[in-house]
Amino acid sequence: MGVFTNSKTGAGHGTNVPDAEKGEYNLIGDGEDPKLGLYDKRLPCCGCGIGWCSLLIGFVFPPAWYYAAILYFARYYHKDPRERSGLAACAIAAIVFTIAAVITVAAILL
């Protein structure tokens, strides 16, 4: 939608969409790009995504990090790119937890 001036008077504002005056709205859609409305839906798990919820739950129940890490390496984020950062954070947390657990077990046994 753009603002234009009247060519006869040189003044005035309006939109180039005739239905806007009637109060009718058209849905934006593109037949060539089916992912156009992808970001209109909320993410699962309270709107913050599987990855970030798994990261928070993982501090109490660490296998949640491994679940999200599996989703990350299985490229679950191709369904919704907004999930990528949370799943990557869980993969990093799972690696750090594994290294810490191995060092702890090695220190106890040796």
C-alpha atoms as a PDB file:
ATOM      1  CA  MET A   1       0.000   0.000   0.000  1.00  0.00           C
ATOM      2  CA  GLY A   2       1.395   3.311  -0.927  1.00  0.00           C
ATOM      3  CA  VAL A   3       0.488   6.922  -0.520  1.00  0.00           C
ATOM      4  CA  PHE A   4       0.027   8.939  -3.673  1.00  0.00           C
ATOM      5  CA  THR A   5      -0.930  12.450  -4.571  1.00  0.00           C
ATOM      6  CA  ASN A   6      -3.857  13.381  -6.714  1.00  0.00           C
ATOM      7  CA  SER A   7      -2.648  14.243 -10.194  1.00  0.00           C
ATOM      8  CA  LYS A   8      -5.231  17.012 -10.694  1.00  0.00           C
ATOM      9  CA  THR A   9      -4.886  18.896  -7.421  1.00  0.00           C
ATOM     10  CA  GLY A  10      -1.405  17.780  -6.387  1.00  0.00           C
ATOM     11  CA  ALA A  11      -2.644  17.024  -2.886  1.00  0.00           C
ATOM     12  CA  GLY A  12      -4.525  14.338  -1.069  1.00  0.00           C
ATOM     13  CA  HIS A  13      -3.633  10.961   0.303  1.00  0.00           C
ATOM     14  CA  GLY A  14      -5.042   7.612  -0.543  1.00  0.00           C
ATOM     15  CA  THR A  15      -4.156   4.007  -1.028  1.00  0.00           C
ATOM     16  CA  ASN A  16      -3.856   2.110  -4.211  1.00  0.00           C
ATOM     17  CA  VAL A  17      -6.075  -0.668  -2.831  1.00  0.00           C
ATOM     18  CA  PRO A  18      -9.742   0.017  -3.657  1.00  0.00           C
ATOM     19  CA  ASP A  19     -11.104  -2.503  -1.111  1.00  0.00           C
ATOM     20  CA  ALA A  20      -9.431  -0.693   1.808  1.00  0.00           C
ATOM     21  CA  GLU A  21     -12.125   1.980   1.764  1.00  0.00           C
ATOM     22  CA  LYS A  22     -14.843  -0.658   2.145  1.00  0.00           C
ATOM     23  CA  GLY A  23     -13.118  -2.278   5.113  1.00  0.00           C
ATOM     24  CA  GLU A  24     -12.515  -5.516   3.265  1.00  0.00           C
ATOM     25  CA  TYR A  25      -9.177  -7.243   3.498  1.00  0.00           C
ATOM     26  CA  ASN A  26      -7.635  -9.738   1.156  1.00  0.00           C
ATOM     27  CA  LEU A  27      -5.387 -12.497   2.429  1.00  0.00           C
ATOM     28  CA  ILE A  28      -1.847 -12.275   1.206  1.00  0.00           C
ATOM     29  CA  GLY A  29      -0.972 -15.435  -0.600  1.00  0.00           C
ATOM     30  CA  ASP A  30       1.383 -16.569  -3.266  1.00  0.00           C
ATOM     31  CA  GLY A  31       0.849 -19.706  -5.285  1.00  0.00           C
ATOM     32  CA  GLU A  32       4.545 -19.891  -6.090  1.00  0.00           C
ATOM     33  CA  ASP A  33       5.723 -19.752  -2.456  1.00  0.00           C
ATOM     34  CA  PRO A  34       3.815 -22.155  -0.192  1.00  0.00           C
ATOM     35  CA  LYS A  35       5.949 -21.191   2.845  1.00  0.00           C
ATOM     36  CA  LEU A  36       4.628 -17.615   2.828  1.00  0.00           C
ATOM     37  CA  GLY A  37       2.268 -18.143   5.785  1.00  0.00           C
ATOM     38  CA  LEU A  38       4.651 -20.428   7.677  1.00  0.00           C
ATOM     39  CA  TYR A  39       5.418 -17.905  10.402  1.00  0.00           C
ATOM     40  CA  ASP A  40       1.784 -17.077  11.086  1.00  0.00           C
ATOM     41  CA  LYS A  41       1.383 -20.152  13.308  1.00  0.00           C
ATOM     42  CA  ARG A  42       2.677 -20.235  16.877  1.00  0.00           C
ATOM     43  CA  LEU A  43       5.522 -22.538  17.768  1.00  0.00           C
ATOM     44  CA  PRO A  44       4.660 -25.606  19.845  1.00  0.00           C
ATOM     45  CA  CYS A  45       5.437 -25.756  23.587  1.00  0.00           C
ATOM     46  CA  CYS A  46       3.949 -22.464  24.781  1.00  0.00           C
ATOM     47  CA  GLY A  47       5.065 -20.565  21.690  1.00  0.00           C
ATOM     48  CA  CYS A  48       8.806 -20.809  22.321  1.00  0.00           C
ATOM     49  CA  GLY A  49       9.486 -24.018  20.404  1.00  0.00           C
ATOM     50  CA  ILE A  50      10.536 -27.566  21.145  1.00  0.00           C
ATOM     51  CA  GLY A  51      14.227 -26.685  21.383  1.00  0.00           C
ATOM     52  CA  TRP A  52      13.974 -23.932  23.984  1.00  0.00           C
ATOM     53  CA  CYS A  53      11.484 -25.884  26.094  1.00  0.00           C
ATOM     54  CA  SER A  54      13.749 -28.922  25.923  1.00  0.00           C
ATOM     55  CA  LEU A  55      16.672 -26.763  27.000  1.00  0.00           C
ATOM     56  CA  LEU A  56      14.814 -25.591  30.095  1.00  0.00           C
ATOM     57  CA  ILE A  57      13.424 -29.036  30.920  1.00  0.00           C
ATOM     58  CA  GLY A  58      16.885 -30.526  30.398  1.00  0.00           C
ATOM     59  CA  PHE A  59      18.231 -28.880  33.538  1.00  0.00           C
ATOM     60  CA  VAL A  60      15.856 -31.127  35.516  1.00  0.00           C
ATOM     61  CA  PHE A  61      15.657 -34.054  33.080  1.00  0.00           C
ATOM     62  CA  PRO A  62      18.834 -34.156  30.876  1.00  0.00           C
ATOM     63  CA  PRO A  63      17.522 -36.740  28.372  1.00  0.00           C
ATOM     64  CA  ALA A  64      15.382 -33.900  26.970  1.00  0.00           C
ATOM     65  CA  TRP A  65      18.617 -32.393  25.623  1.00  0.00           C
ATOM     66  CA  TYR A  66      19.417 -35.615  23.799  1.00  0.00           C
ATOM     67  CA  TYR A  67      15.908 -35.758  22.323  1.00  0.00           C
ATOM     68  CA  ALA A  68      16.271 -32.221  20.961  1.00  0.00           C
ATOM     69  CA  ALA A  69      19.817 -32.971  19.756  1.00  0.00           C
ATOM     70  CA  ILE A  70      18.465 -35.917  17.769  1.00  0.00           C
ATOM     71  CA  LEU A  71      15.844 -33.617  16.250  1.00  0.00           C
ATOM     72  CA  TYR A  72      18.580 -31.124  15.378  1.00  0.00           C
ATOM     73  CA  PHE A  73      20.808 -33.691  13.676  1.00  0.00           C
ATOM     74  CA  ALA A  74      17.763 -35.144  11.884  1.00  0.00           C
ATOM     75  CA  ARG A  75      17.185 -31.616  10.501  1.00  0.00           C
ATOM     76  CA  TYR A  76      13.781 -31.125  12.071  1.00  0.00           C
ATOM     77  CA  TYR A  77      14.318 -27.377  11.659  1.00  0.00           C
ATOM     78  CA  HIS A  78      13.616 -27.692   7.922  1.00  0.00           C
ATOM     79  CA  LYS A  79       9.918 -27.876   8.856  1.00  0.00           C
ATOM     80  CA  ASP A  80      10.190 -24.559  10.723  1.00  0.00           C
ATOM     81  CA  PRO A  81      13.471 -22.595  10.633  1.00  0.00           C
ATOM     82  CA  ARG A  82      12.560 -20.797  13.865  1.00  0.00           C
ATOM     83  CA  GLU A  83      13.301 -24.046  15.737  1.00  0.00           C
ATOM     84  CA  ARG A  84      16.944 -24.153  14.667  1.00  0.00           C
ATOM     85  CA  SER A  85      18.478 -22.005  17.425  1.00  0.00           C
ATOM     86  CA  GLY A  86      16.738 -23.833  20.277  1.00  0.00           C
ATOM     87  CA  LEU A  87      17.604 -27.246  18.897  1.00  0.00           C
ATOM     88  CA  ALA A  88      21.226 -26.198  18.379  1.00  0.00           C
ATOM     89  CA  ALA A  89      21.392 -24.955  21.977  1.00  0.00           C
ATOM     90  CA  CYS A  90      20.158 -28.341  23.161  1.00  0.00           C
ATOM     91  CA  ALA A  91      22.734 -30.151  21.039  1.00  0.00           C
ATOM     92  CA  ILE A  92      25.494 -28.043  22.608  1.00  0.00           C
ATOM     93  CA  ALA A  93      24.072 -28.632  26.093  1.00  0.00           C
ATOM     94  CA  ALA A  94      23.966 -32.388  25.455  1.00  0.00           C
ATOM     95  CA  ILE A  95      27.609 -32.403  24.344  1.00  0.00           C
ATOM     96  CA  VAL A  96      28.721 -30.361  27.367  1.00  0.00           C
ATOM     97  CA  PHE A  97      26.719 -32.583  29.730  1.00  0.00           C
ATOM     98  CA  THR A  98      28.209 -35.731  28.195  1.00  0.00           C
ATOM     99  CA  ILE A  99      31.767 -34.411  28.517  1.00  0.00           C
ATOM    100  CA  ALA A 100      31.138 -33.351  32.128  1.00  0.00           C
ATOM    101  CA  ALA A 101      29.622 -36.743  32.964  1.00  0.00           C
ATOM    102  CA  VAL A 102      32.554 -38.630  31.404  1.00  0.00           C
ATOM    103  CA  ILE A 103      35.089 -36.485  33.299  1.00  0.00           C
ATOM    104  CA  THR A 104      33.159 -36.978  36.557  1.00  0.00           C
ATOM    105  CA  VAL A 105      32.943 -40.747  36.136  1.00  0.00           C
ATOM    106  CA  ALA A 106      36.626 -40.924  35.188  1.00  0.00           C
ATOM    107  CA  ALA A 107      37.596 -38.889  38.263  1.00  0.00           C
ATOM    108  CA  ILE A 108      35.543 -41.112  40.559  1.00  0.00           C
ATOM    109  CA  LEU A 109      36.869 -44.396  39.128  1.00  0.00           C
ATOM    110  CA  LEU A 110      40.516 -43.353  38.900  1.00  0.00           C
END
